[in-house]
PDB file of N, CA and C in Angstrom:
ATOM      1  N   MET A   1     -38.833  27.360  23.212  1.00  0.00           N
ATOM      2  CA  MET A   1     -39.561  28.601  23.240  1.00  0.00           C
ATOM      3  C   MET A   1     -38.582  29.702  23.602  1.00  0.00           C
ATOM      4  N   LEU A   2     -38.664  30.841  22.919  1.00  0.00           N
ATOM      5  CA  LEU A   2     -37.835  32.000  23.223  1.00  0.00           C
ATOM      6  C   LEU A   2     -38.657  33.030  23.984  1.00  0.00           C
ATOM      7  N   ALA A   3     -38.027  33.647  24.975  1.00  0.00           N
ATOM      8  CA  ALA A   3     -38.690  34.705  25.733  1.00  0.00           C
ATOM      9  C   ALA A   3     -37.709  35.850  25.914  1.00  0.00           C
ATOM     10  N   LYS A   4     -38.218  37.059  25.816  1.00  0.00           N
ATOM     11  CA  LYS A   4     -37.420  38.266  26.059  1.00  0.00           C
ATOM     12  C   LYS A   4     -37.699  38.686  27.496  1.00  0.00           C
ATOM     13  N   LEU A   5     -36.675  38.605  28.356  1.00  0.00           N
ATOM     14  CA  LEU A   5     -36.858  38.847  29.773  1.00  0.00           C
ATOM     15  C   LEU A   5     -36.049  40.051  30.247  1.00  0.00           C
ATOM     16  N   THR A   6     -36.634  40.826  31.162  1.00  0.00           N
ATOM     17  CA  THR A   6     -35.938  41.915  31.837  1.00  0.00           C
ATOM     18  C   THR A   6     -35.802  41.531  33.307  1.00  0.00           C
ATOM     19  N   VAL A   7     -34.583  41.605  33.831  1.00  0.00           N
ATOM     20  CA  VAL A   7     -34.323  41.214  35.211  1.00  0.00           C
ATOM     21  C   VAL A   7     -34.728  42.342  36.161  1.00  0.00           C
ATOM     22  N   VAL A   8     -35.567  41.991  37.145  1.00  0.00           N
ATOM     23  CA  VAL A   8     -36.051  42.937  38.143  1.00  0.00           C
ATOM     24  C   VAL A   8     -35.224  42.823  39.424  1.00  0.00           C
ATOM     25  N   LYS A   9     -34.809  41.580  39.764  1.00  0.00           N
ATOM     26  CA  LYS A   9     -34.134  41.342  41.034  1.00  0.00           C
ATOM     27  C   LYS A   9     -33.358  40.029  40.956  1.00  0.00           C
ATOM     28  N   GLU A  10     -32.240  39.955  41.678  1.00  0.00           N
ATOM     29  CA  GLU A  10     -31.498  38.707  41.807  1.00  0.00           C
ATOM     30  C   GLU A  10     -31.872  38.073  43.145  1.00  0.00           C
ATOM     31  N   VAL A  11     -32.111  36.765  43.156  1.00  0.00           N
ATOM     32  CA  VAL A  11     -32.579  36.080  44.362  1.00  0.00           C
ATOM     33  C   VAL A  11     -31.685  34.874  44.647  1.00  0.00           C
ATOM     34  N   TYR A  12     -31.095  34.860  45.849  1.00  0.00           N
ATOM     35  CA  TYR A  12     -30.272  33.733  46.279  1.00  0.00           C
ATOM     36  C   TYR A  12     -31.065  32.902  47.275  1.00  0.00           C
ATOM     37  N   GLN A  13     -31.124  31.609  47.048  1.00  0.00           N
ATOM     38  CA  GLN A  13     -31.808  30.674  47.951  1.00  0.00           C
ATOM     39  C   GLN A  13     -30.758  29.705  48.482  1.00  0.00           C
ATOM     40  N   PRO A  14     -30.402  29.820  49.793  1.00  0.00           N
ATOM     41  CA  PRO A  14     -29.387  28.909  50.334  1.00  0.00           C
ATOM     42  C   PRO A  14     -29.896  27.476  50.418  1.00  0.00           C
ATOM     43  N   SER A  15     -28.965  26.562  50.516  1.00  0.00           N
ATOM     44  CA  SER A  15     -29.318  25.156  50.686  1.00  0.00           C
ATOM     45  C   SER A  15     -30.059  24.990  52.006  1.00  0.00           C
ATOM     46  N   GLU A  16     -31.122  24.188  51.990  1.00  0.00           N
ATOM     47  CA  GLU A  16     -31.872  23.957  53.230  1.00  0.00           C
ATOM     48  C   GLU A  16     -32.288  22.501  53.308  1.00  0.00           C
ATOM     49  N   PRO A  17     -32.363  21.966  54.545  1.00  0.00           N
ATOM     50  CA  PRO A  17     -32.731  20.566  54.700  1.00  0.00           C
ATOM     51  C   PRO A  17     -34.173  20.301  54.282  1.00  0.00           C
ATOM     52  N   ILE A  18     -34.415  19.097  53.780  1.00  0.00           N
ATOM     53  CA  ILE A  18     -35.761  18.681  53.402  1.00  0.00           C
ATOM     54  C   ILE A  18     -36.421  18.093  54.641  1.00  0.00           C
ATOM     55  N   LYS A  19     -37.583  18.624  55.002  1.00  0.00           N
ATOM     56  CA  LYS A  19     -38.291  18.135  56.185  1.00  0.00           C
ATOM     57  C   LYS A  19     -38.623  16.658  56.034  1.00  0.00           C
ATOM     58  N   GLY A  20     -38.354  15.892  57.096  1.00  0.00           N
ATOM     59  CA  GLY A  20     -38.683  14.476  57.098  1.00  0.00           C
ATOM     60  C   GLY A  20     -37.687  13.594  56.375  1.00  0.00           C
ATOM     61  N   LYS A  21     -36.603  14.183  55.847  1.00  0.00           N
ATOM     62  CA  LYS A  21     -35.596  13.395  55.135  1.00  0.00           C
ATOM     63  C   LYS A  21     -34.213  13.778  55.663  1.00  0.00           C
ATOM     64  N   PRO A  22     -33.796  13.167  56.768  1.00  0.00           N
ATOM     65  CA  PRO A  22     -32.497  13.513  57.347  1.00  0.00           C
ATOM     66  C   PRO A  22     -31.354  13.280  56.358  1.00  0.00           C
ATOM     67  N   GLY A  23     -30.433  14.202  56.347  1.00  0.00           N
ATOM     68  CA  GLY A  23     -29.269  14.085  55.475  1.00  0.00           C
ATOM     69  C   GLY A  23     -29.498  14.552  54.057  1.00  0.00           C
ATOM     70  N   GLU A  24     -30.730  14.894  53.698  1.00  0.00           N
ATOM     71  CA  GLU A  24     -31.021  15.389  52.351  1.00  0.00           C
ATOM     72  C   GLU A  24     -31.367  16.865  52.424  1.00  0.00           C
ATOM     73  N   SER A  25     -30.998  17.598  51.380  1.00  0.00           N
ATOM     74  CA  SER A  25     -31.324  19.025  51.362  1.00  0.00           C
ATOM     75  C   SER A  25     -31.571  19.506  49.939  1.00  0.00           C
ATOM     76  N   TYR A  26     -32.315  20.613  49.858  1.00  0.00           N
ATOM     77  CA  TYR A  26     -32.520  21.267  48.573  1.00  0.00           C
ATOM     78  C   TYR A  26     -31.218  21.974  48.211  1.00  0.00           C
ATOM     79  N   PRO A  27     -30.829  21.970  46.951  1.00  0.00           N
ATOM     80  CA  PRO A  27     -29.592  22.661  46.585  1.00  0.00           C
ATOM     81  C   PRO A  27     -29.767  24.174  46.626  1.00  0.00           C
ATOM     82  N   GLU A  28     -28.656  24.892  46.793  1.00  0.00           N
ATOM     83  CA  GLU A  28     -28.739  26.345  46.730  1.00  0.00           C
ATOM     84  C   GLU A  28     -29.050  26.751  45.291  1.00  0.00           C
ATOM     85  N   SER A  29     -29.634  27.939  45.129  1.00  0.00           N
ATOM     86  CA  SER A  29     -29.925  28.401  43.774  1.00  0.00           C
ATOM     87  C   SER A  29     -29.695  29.901  43.672  1.00  0.00           C
ATOM     88  N   HIS A  30     -29.282  30.303  42.497  1.00  0.00           N
ATOM     89  CA  HIS A  30     -29.127  31.707  42.139  1.00  0.00           C
ATOM     90  C   HIS A  30     -30.118  31.940  41.003  1.00  0.00           C
ATOM     91  N   SER A  31     -31.117  32.780  41.252  1.00  0.00           N
ATOM     92  CA  SER A  31     -32.174  32.992  40.266  1.00  0.00           C
ATOM     93  C   SER A  31     -32.340  34.470  39.953  1.00  0.00           C
ATOM     94  N   LEU A  32     -32.833  34.734  38.774  1.00  0.00           N
ATOM     95  CA  LEU A  32     -33.142  36.094  38.342  1.00  0.00           C
ATOM     96  C   LEU A  32     -34.659  36.214  38.258  1.00  0.00           C
ATOM     97  N   LEU A  33     -35.238  37.150  39.015  1.00  0.00           N
ATOM     98  CA  LEU A  33     -36.677  37.407  38.936  1.00  0.00           C
ATOM     99  C   LEU A  33     -36.899  38.287  37.719  1.00  0.00           C
ATOM    100  N   CYS A  34     -37.681  37.802  36.779  1.00  0.00           N
ATOM    101  CA  CYS A  34     -37.790  38.449  35.472  1.00  0.00           C
ATOM    102  C   CYS A  34     -39.227  38.801  35.100  1.00  0.00           C
ATOM    103  N   LEU A  35     -39.333  39.834  34.290  1.00  0.00           N
ATOM    104  CA  LEU A  35     -40.586  40.273  33.692  1.00  0.00           C
ATOM    105  C   LEU A  35     -40.510  39.929  32.212  1.00  0.00           C
ATOM    106  N   ASP A  36     -41.513  39.268  31.699  1.00  0.00           N
ATOM    107  CA  ASP A  36     -41.545  38.875  30.288  1.00  0.00           C
ATOM    108  C   ASP A  36     -41.870  40.092  29.434  1.00  0.00           C
ATOM    109  N   MET A  37     -40.975  40.410  28.503  1.00  0.00           N
ATOM    110  CA  MET A  37     -41.155  41.548  27.601  1.00  0.00           C
ATOM    111  C   MET A  37     -41.290  41.080  26.151  1.00  0.00           C
ATOM    112  N   SER A  38     -41.662  39.830  25.965  1.00  0.00           N
ATOM    113  CA  SER A  38     -41.789  39.263  24.619  1.00  0.00           C
ATOM    114  C   SER A  38     -42.848  39.990  23.812  1.00  0.00           C
ATOM    115  N   GLU A  39     -42.704  39.913  22.510  1.00  0.00           N
ATOM    116  CA  GLU A  39     -43.661  40.511  21.589  1.00  0.00           C
ATOM    117  C   GLU A  39     -44.326  39.406  20.784  1.00  0.00           C
ATOM    118  N   PRO A  40     -45.582  39.543  20.449  1.00  0.00           N
ATOM    119  CA  PRO A  40     -46.509  40.611  20.806  1.00  0.00           C
ATOM    120  C   PRO A  40     -46.925  40.523  22.280  1.00  0.00           C
ATOM    121  N   GLN A  41     -47.413  41.623  22.802  1.00  0.00           N
ATOM    122  CA  GLN A  41     -47.794  41.717  24.207  1.00  0.00           C
ATOM    123  C   GLN A  41     -48.754  40.614  24.626  1.00  0.00           C
ATOM    124  N   GLU A  42     -49.644  40.225  23.753  1.00  0.00           N
ATOM    125  CA  GLU A  42     -50.664  39.222  24.076  1.00  0.00           C
ATOM    126  C   GLU A  42     -50.049  37.864  24.409  1.00  0.00           C
ATOM    127  N   CYS A  43     -48.792  37.639  24.011  1.00  0.00           N
ATOM    128  CA  CYS A  43     -48.141  36.347  24.225  1.00  0.00           C
ATOM    129  C   CYS A  43     -47.274  36.318  25.485  1.00  0.00           C
ATOM    130  N   ARG A  44     -47.230  37.395  26.234  1.00  0.00           N
ATOM    131  CA  ARG A  44     -46.394  37.459  27.434  1.00  0.00           C
ATOM    132  C   ARG A  44     -46.980  36.664  28.583  1.00  0.00           C
ATOM    133  N   MET A  45     -46.079  36.155  29.444  1.00  0.00           N
ATOM    134  CA  MET A  45     -46.513  35.555  30.699  1.00  0.00           C
ATOM    135  C   MET A  45     -47.042  36.697  31.567  1.00  0.00           C
ATOM    136  N   GLU A  46     -48.151  36.485  32.225  1.00  0.00           N
ATOM    137  CA  GLU A  46     -48.752  37.548  33.032  1.00  0.00           C
ATOM    138  C   GLU A  46     -48.041  37.736  34.361  1.00  0.00           C
ATOM    139  N   GLU A  47     -47.440  36.690  34.876  1.00  0.00           N
ATOM    140  CA  GLU A  47     -46.751  36.743  36.161  1.00  0.00           C
ATOM    141  C   GLU A  47     -45.245  36.851  35.940  1.00  0.00           C
ATOM    142  N   MET A  48     -44.551  37.408  36.920  1.00  0.00           N
ATOM    143  CA  MET A  48     -43.098  37.387  36.865  1.00  0.00           C
ATOM    144  C   MET A  48     -42.646  35.953  37.109  1.00  0.00           C
ATOM    145  N   ALA A  49     -41.499  35.604  36.575  1.00  0.00           N
ATOM    146  CA  ALA A  49     -40.988  34.242  36.727  1.00  0.00           C
ATOM    147  C   ALA A  49     -39.505  34.309  37.075  1.00  0.00           C
ATOM    148  N   PHE A  50     -39.025  33.256  37.692  1.00  0.00           N
ATOM    149  CA  PHE A  50     -37.614  33.154  38.031  1.00  0.00           C
ATOM    150  C   PHE A  50     -36.893  32.403  36.928  1.00  0.00           C
ATOM    151  N   TYR A  51     -35.729  32.920  36.537  1.00  0.00           N
ATOM    152  CA  TYR A  51     -34.848  32.169  35.646  1.00  0.00           C
ATOM    153  C   TYR A  51     -33.710  31.657  36.517  1.00  0.00           C
ATOM    154  N   ARG A  52     -33.571  30.342  36.626  1.00  0.00           N
ATOM    155  CA  ARG A  52     -32.530  29.755  37.478  1.00  0.00           C
ATOM    156  C   ARG A  52     -31.230  29.666  36.703  1.00  0.00           C
ATOM    157  N   LEU A  53     -30.195  30.334  37.232  1.00  0.00           N
ATOM    158  CA  LEU A  53     -28.885  30.304  36.595  1.00  0.00           C
ATOM    159  C   LEU A  53     -28.212  28.950  36.785  1.00  0.00           C
ATOM    160  N   LYS A  54     -27.568  28.484  35.737  1.00  0.00           N
ATOM    161  CA  LYS A  54     -26.765  27.268  35.825  1.00  0.00           C
ATOM    162  C   LYS A  54     -25.417  27.642  36.442  1.00  0.00           C
ATOM    163  N   GLU A  55     -24.675  26.635  36.889  1.00  0.00           N
ATOM    164  CA  GLU A  55     -23.346  26.870  37.474  1.00  0.00           C
ATOM    165  C   GLU A  55     -22.452  27.651  36.512  1.00  0.00           C
ATOM    166  N   THR A  56     -22.518  27.323  35.225  1.00  0.00           N
ATOM    167  CA  THR A  56     -21.668  27.994  34.235  1.00  0.00           C
ATOM    168  C   THR A  56     -22.116  29.423  33.957  1.00  0.00           C
ATOM    169  N   GLU A  57     -23.374  29.741  34.258  1.00  0.00           N
ATOM    170  CA  GLU A  57     -23.893  31.092  34.007  1.00  0.00           C
ATOM    171  C   GLU A  57     -23.660  32.052  35.176  1.00  0.00           C
ATOM    172  N   LYS A  58     -23.494  31.494  36.386  1.00  0.00           N
ATOM    173  CA  LYS A  58     -23.336  32.354  37.571  1.00  0.00           C
ATOM    174  C   LYS A  58     -22.224  33.386  37.427  1.00  0.00           C
ATOM    175  N   PRO A  59     -20.990  32.992  37.039  1.00  0.00           N
ATOM    176  CA  PRO A  59     -19.933  34.002  36.952  1.00  0.00           C
ATOM    177  C   PRO A  59     -20.190  35.056  35.868  1.00  0.00           C
ATOM    178  N   LEU A  60     -20.975  34.710  34.871  1.00  0.00           N
ATOM    179  CA  LEU A  60     -21.236  35.643  33.771  1.00  0.00           C
ATOM    180  C   LEU A  60     -22.333  36.655  34.094  1.00  0.00           C
ATOM    181  N   TYR A  61     -23.350  36.229  34.866  1.00  0.00           N
ATOM    182  CA  TYR A  61     -24.534  37.065  35.021  1.00  0.00           C
ATOM    183  C   TYR A  61     -24.868  37.473  36.456  1.00  0.00           C
ATOM    184  N   TRP A  62     -24.422  36.699  37.466  1.00  0.00           N
ATOM    185  CA  TRP A  62     -24.798  37.004  38.844  1.00  0.00           C
ATOM    186  C   TRP A  62     -24.118  38.292  39.307  1.00  0.00           C
ATOM    187  N   GLY A  63     -24.899  39.183  39.890  1.00  0.00           N
ATOM    188  CA  GLY A  63     -24.368  40.434  40.415  1.00  0.00           C
ATOM    189  C   GLY A  63     -24.331  41.571  39.407  1.00  0.00           C
ATOM    190  N   LYS A  64     -24.756  41.312  38.182  1.00  0.00           N
ATOM    191  CA  LYS A  64     -24.698  42.356  37.157  1.00  0.00           C
ATOM    192  C   LYS A  64     -25.885  42.341  36.199  1.00  0.00           C
ATOM    193  N   SER A  65     -26.983  41.714  36.605  1.00  0.00           N
ATOM    194  CA  SER A  65     -28.092  41.521  35.668  1.00  0.00           C
ATOM    195  C   SER A  65     -29.314  42.401  35.894  1.00  0.00           C
ATOM    196  N   VAL A  66     -29.447  43.027  37.040  1.00  0.00           N
ATOM    197  CA  VAL A  66     -30.649  43.831  37.305  1.00  0.00           C
ATOM    198  C   VAL A  66     -30.750  44.953  36.267  1.00  0.00           C
ATOM    199  N   GLY A  67     -31.913  45.041  35.647  1.00  0.00           N
ATOM    200  CA  GLY A  67     -32.146  46.047  34.617  1.00  0.00           C
ATOM    201  C   GLY A  67     -31.758  45.616  33.216  1.00  0.00           C
ATOM    202  N   LYS A  68     -31.101  44.482  33.083  1.00  0.00           N
ATOM    203  CA  LYS A  68     -30.699  43.985  31.757  1.00  0.00           C
ATOM    204  C   LYS A  68     -31.839  43.208  31.115  1.00  0.00           C
ATOM    205  N   THR A  69     -31.886  43.247  29.797  1.00  0.00           N
ATOM    206  CA  THR A  69     -32.885  42.513  29.021  1.00  0.00           C
ATOM    207  C   THR A  69     -32.148  41.588  28.065  1.00  0.00           C
ATOM    208  N   PHE A  70     -32.640  40.357  27.933  1.00  0.00           N
ATOM    209  CA  PHE A  70     -31.986  39.374  27.083  1.00  0.00           C
ATOM    210  C   PHE A  70     -32.985  38.326  26.635  1.00  0.00           C
ATOM    211  N   LEU A  71     -32.584  37.500  25.690  1.00  0.00           N
ATOM    212  CA  LEU A  71     -33.422  36.390  25.225  1.00  0.00           C
ATOM    213  C   LEU A  71     -33.002  35.111  25.939  1.00  0.00           C
ATOM    214  N   VAL A  72     -33.990  34.295  26.269  1.00  0.00           N
ATOM    215  CA  VAL A  72     -33.753  33.006  26.900  1.00  0.00           C
ATOM    216  C   VAL A  72     -34.440  31.927  26.077  1.00  0.00           C
ATOM    217  N   SER A  73     -33.702  30.863  25.817  1.00  0.00           N
ATOM    218  CA  SER A  73     -34.286  29.677  25.191  1.00  0.00           C
ATOM    219  C   SER A  73     -34.789  28.812  26.337  1.00  0.00           C
ATOM    220  N   ILE A  74     -36.110  28.724  26.491  1.00  0.00           N
ATOM    221  CA  ILE A  74     -36.712  28.014  27.612  1.00  0.00           C
ATOM    222  C   ILE A  74     -36.946  26.553  27.239  1.00  0.00           C
ATOM    223  N   ASP A  75     -36.372  25.670  28.063  1.00  0.00           N
ATOM    224  CA  ASP A  75     -36.547  24.228  27.856  1.00  0.00           C
ATOM    225  C   ASP A  75     -37.687  23.678  28.696  1.00  0.00           C
ATOM    226  N   LYS A  76     -37.885  24.276  29.881  1.00  0.00           N
ATOM    227  CA  LYS A  76     -38.843  23.722  30.821  1.00  0.00           C
ATOM    228  C   LYS A  76     -39.293  24.808  31.800  1.00  0.00           C
ATOM    229  N   ILE A  77     -40.551  24.731  32.224  1.00  0.00           N
ATOM    230  CA  ILE A  77     -41.054  25.589  33.290  1.00  0.00           C
ATOM    231  C   ILE A  77     -41.308  24.677  34.481  1.00  0.00           C
ATOM    232  N   GLN A  78     -40.568  24.925  35.564  1.00  0.00           N
ATOM    233  CA  GLN A  78     -40.646  24.078  36.748  1.00  0.00           C
ATOM    234  C   GLN A  78     -41.386  24.842  37.848  1.00  0.00           C
ATOM    235  N   HIS A  79     -42.287  24.159  38.546  1.00  0.00           N
ATOM    236  CA  HIS A  79     -43.050  24.787  39.627  1.00  0.00           C
ATOM    237  C   HIS A  79     -42.652  24.162  40.952  1.00  0.00           C
ATOM    238  N   ASN A  80     -42.733  24.970  42.030  1.00  0.00           N
ATOM    239  CA  ASN A  80     -42.465  24.389  43.347  1.00  0.00           C
ATOM    240  C   ASN A  80     -43.630  23.496  43.741  1.00  0.00           C
ATOM    241  N   LYS A  81     -43.521  22.852  44.899  1.00  0.00           N
ATOM    242  CA  LYS A  81     -44.539  21.863  45.297  1.00  0.00           C
ATOM    243  C   LYS A  81     -45.931  22.449  45.431  1.00  0.00           C
ATOM    244  N   THR A  82     -46.038  23.717  45.837  1.00  0.00           N
ATOM    245  CA  THR A  82     -47.365  24.321  46.001  1.00  0.00           C
ATOM    246  C   THR A  82     -47.868  24.950  44.708  1.00  0.00           C
ATOM    247  N   GLY A  83     -46.992  25.022  43.708  1.00  0.00           N
ATOM    248  CA  GLY A  83     -47.392  25.606  42.430  1.00  0.00           C
ATOM    249  C   GLY A  83     -47.387  27.122  42.415  1.00  0.00           C
ATOM    250  N   SER A  84     -46.850  27.739  43.489  1.00  0.00           N
ATOM    251  CA  SER A  84     -46.906  29.199  43.586  1.00  0.00           C
ATOM    252  C   SER A  84     -45.708  29.894  42.963  1.00  0.00           C
ATOM    253  N   ARG A  85     -44.654  29.147  42.627  1.00  0.00           N
ATOM    254  CA  ARG A  85     -43.445  29.773  42.082  1.00  0.00           C
ATOM    255  C   ARG A  85     -42.994  29.030  40.833  1.00  0.00           C
ATOM    256  N   ALA A  86     -42.914  29.752  39.737  1.00  0.00           N
ATOM    257  CA  ALA A  86     -42.449  29.161  38.486  1.00  0.00           C
ATOM    258  C   ALA A  86     -40.987  29.527  38.264  1.00  0.00           C
ATOM    259  N   SER A  87     -40.191  28.543  37.873  1.00  0.00           N
ATOM    260  CA  SER A  87     -38.796  28.774  37.512  1.00  0.00           C
ATOM    261  C   SER A  87     -38.604  28.326  36.073  1.00  0.00           C
ATOM    262  N   LEU A  88     -37.973  29.194  35.288  1.00  0.00           N
ATOM    263  CA  LEU A  88     -37.688  28.870  33.896  1.00  0.00           C
ATOM    264  C   LEU A  88     -36.326  28.207  33.823  1.00  0.00           C
ATOM    265  N   LEU A  89     -36.258  27.085  33.139  1.00  0.00           N
ATOM    266  CA  LEU A  89     -34.995  26.394  32.943  1.00  0.00           C
ATOM    267  C   LEU A  89     -34.673  26.436  31.457  1.00  0.00           C
ATOM    268  N   GLY A  90     -33.448  26.778  31.141  1.00  0.00           N
ATOM    269  CA  GLY A  90     -33.056  26.883  29.749  1.00  0.00           C
ATOM    270  C   GLY A  90     -31.664  27.468  29.651  1.00  0.00           C
ATOM    271  N   ARG A  91     -31.472  28.383  28.705  1.00  0.00           N
ATOM    272  CA  ARG A  91     -30.169  29.037  28.589  1.00  0.00           C
ATOM    273  C   ARG A  91     -30.334  30.444  28.041  1.00  0.00           C
ATOM    274  N   ILE A  92     -29.501  31.324  28.570  1.00  0.00           N
ATOM    275  CA  ILE A  92     -29.473  32.706  28.089  1.00  0.00           C
ATOM    276  C   ILE A  92     -28.721  32.711  26.764  1.00  0.00           C
ATOM    277  N   LEU A  93     -29.267  33.379  25.776  1.00  0.00           N
ATOM    278  CA  LEU A  93     -28.562  33.518  24.501  1.00  0.00           C
ATOM    279  C   LEU A  93     -27.555  34.655  24.680  1.00  0.00           C
ATOM    280  N   PRO A  94     -26.248  34.322  24.815  1.00  0.00           N
ATOM    281  CA  PRO A  94     -25.257  35.311  25.223  1.00  0.00           C
ATOM    282  C   PRO A  94     -25.126  36.514  24.298  1.00  0.00           C
ATOM    283  N   ASP A  95     -25.399  36.347  23.025  1.00  0.00           N
ATOM    284  CA  ASP A  95     -25.281  37.478  22.099  1.00  0.00           C
ATOM    285  C   ASP A  95     -26.332  38.547  22.352  1.00  0.00           C
ATOM    286  N   THR A  96     -27.390  38.202  23.097  1.00  0.00           N
ATOM    287  CA  THR A  96     -28.461  39.172  23.347  1.00  0.00           C
ATOM    288  C   THR A  96     -28.344  39.817  24.718  1.00  0.00           C
ATOM    289  N   TYR A  97     -27.461  39.313  25.599  1.00  0.00           N
ATOM    290  CA  TYR A  97     -27.371  39.813  26.969  1.00  0.00           C
ATOM    291  C   TYR A  97     -26.950  41.276  26.989  1.00  0.00           C
ATOM    292  N   GLY A  98     -27.835  42.122  27.524  1.00  0.00           N
ATOM    293  CA  GLY A  98     -27.539  43.538  27.668  1.00  0.00           C
ATOM    294  C   GLY A  98     -27.604  44.334  26.384  1.00  0.00           C
ATOM    295  N   THR A  99     -27.953  43.702  25.260  1.00  0.00           N
ATOM    296  CA  THR A  99     -28.013  44.442  24.003  1.00  0.00           C
ATOM    297  C   THR A  99     -29.436  44.859  23.665  1.00  0.00           C
ATOM    298  N   LEU A 100     -30.415  44.299  24.355  1.00  0.00           N
ATOM    299  CA  LEU A 100     -31.804  44.657  24.121  1.00  0.00           C
ATOM    300  C   LEU A 100     -32.222  45.702  25.143  1.00  0.00           C
ATOM    301  N   THR A 101     -33.101  46.579  24.760  1.00  0.00           N
ATOM    302  CA  THR A 101     -33.595  47.586  25.691  1.00  0.00           C
ATOM    303  C   THR A 101     -35.085  47.421  25.859  1.00  0.00           C
ATOM    304  N   PHE A 102     -35.570  47.892  26.979  1.00  0.00           N
ATOM    305  CA  PHE A 102     -37.001  47.892  27.250  1.00  0.00           C
ATOM    306  C   PHE A 102     -37.615  49.130  26.636  1.00  0.00           C
ATOM    307  N   THR A 103     -38.587  48.940  25.763  1.00  0.00           N
ATOM    308  CA  THR A 103     -39.331  50.073  25.217  1.00  0.00           C
ATOM    309  C   THR A 103     -40.797  49.726  25.323  1.00  0.00           C
ATOM    310  N   ALA A 104     -41.529  50.532  26.036  1.00  0.00           N
ATOM    311  CA  ALA A 104     -42.956  50.254  26.253  1.00  0.00           C
ATOM    312  C   ALA A 104     -43.671  50.174  24.918  1.00  0.00           C
ATOM    313  N   GLY A 105     -44.233  49.013  24.650  1.00  0.00           N
ATOM    314  CA  GLY A 105     -44.997  48.823  23.423  1.00  0.00           C
ATOM    315  C   GLY A 105     -44.161  48.585  22.179  1.00  0.00           C
ATOM    316  N   GLY A 106     -42.830  48.657  22.302  1.00  0.00           N
ATOM    317  CA  GLY A 106     -41.971  48.472  21.128  1.00  0.00           C
ATOM    318  C   GLY A 106     -41.299  47.119  21.150  1.00  0.00           C
ATOM    319  N   THR A 107     -40.399  46.915  20.194  1.00  0.00           N
ATOM    320  CA  THR A 107     -39.706  45.640  20.114  1.00  0.00           C
ATOM    321  C   THR A 107     -38.438  45.618  20.928  1.00  0.00           C
ATOM    322  N   GLY A 108     -37.873  46.791  21.247  1.00  0.00           N
ATOM    323  CA  GLY A 108     -36.700  46.852  22.098  1.00  0.00           C
ATOM    324  C   GLY A 108     -35.487  46.163  21.530  1.00  0.00           C
ATOM    325  N   THR A 109     -34.985  46.650  20.410  1.00  0.00           N
ATOM    326  CA  THR A 109     -33.848  45.994  19.804  1.00  0.00           C
ATOM    327  C   THR A 109     -32.587  46.850  19.816  1.00  0.00           C
ATOM    328  N   GLY A 110     -32.614  48.014  20.443  1.00  0.00           N
ATOM    329  CA  GLY A 110     -31.460  48.886  20.467  1.00  0.00           C
ATOM    330  C   GLY A 110     -30.432  48.480  21.510  1.00  0.00           C
ATOM    331  N   LYS A 111     -29.206  49.018  21.387  1.00  0.00           N
ATOM    332  CA  LYS A 111     -28.130  48.752  22.354  1.00  0.00           C
ATOM    333  C   LYS A 111     -28.304  49.632  23.568  1.00  0.00           C
ATOM    334  N   HIS A 112     -27.820  49.155  24.740  1.00  0.00           N
ATOM    335  CA  HIS A 112     -27.799  49.956  25.972  1.00  0.00           C
ATOM    336  C   HIS A 112     -26.773  51.035  25.821  1.00  0.00           C
TER     337      HIS A 112
END
């Protein structure tokens, strides 16, 4: 599935121990909080979602993505244990990074 996402905020989650499991911990994560700008509007996710950066994507996108719009090939939508936080797993299509613009009601295909 392809989604057109605009980054609202970058979120770092440090590694933390898992309660009740000594010696085990959740891995750290670098995520982009995104707003779905896919077209048509009726097909957009209603809630904001996190896109979790892979290790190879961190140097390319971390620290420079707020306000950027790009396409993501989504492989999986992962939820936390309570179901309150969705994380998109997939890959950013590099040719689209920063080349799409947000246009209210439009397709947003112009260069920044």
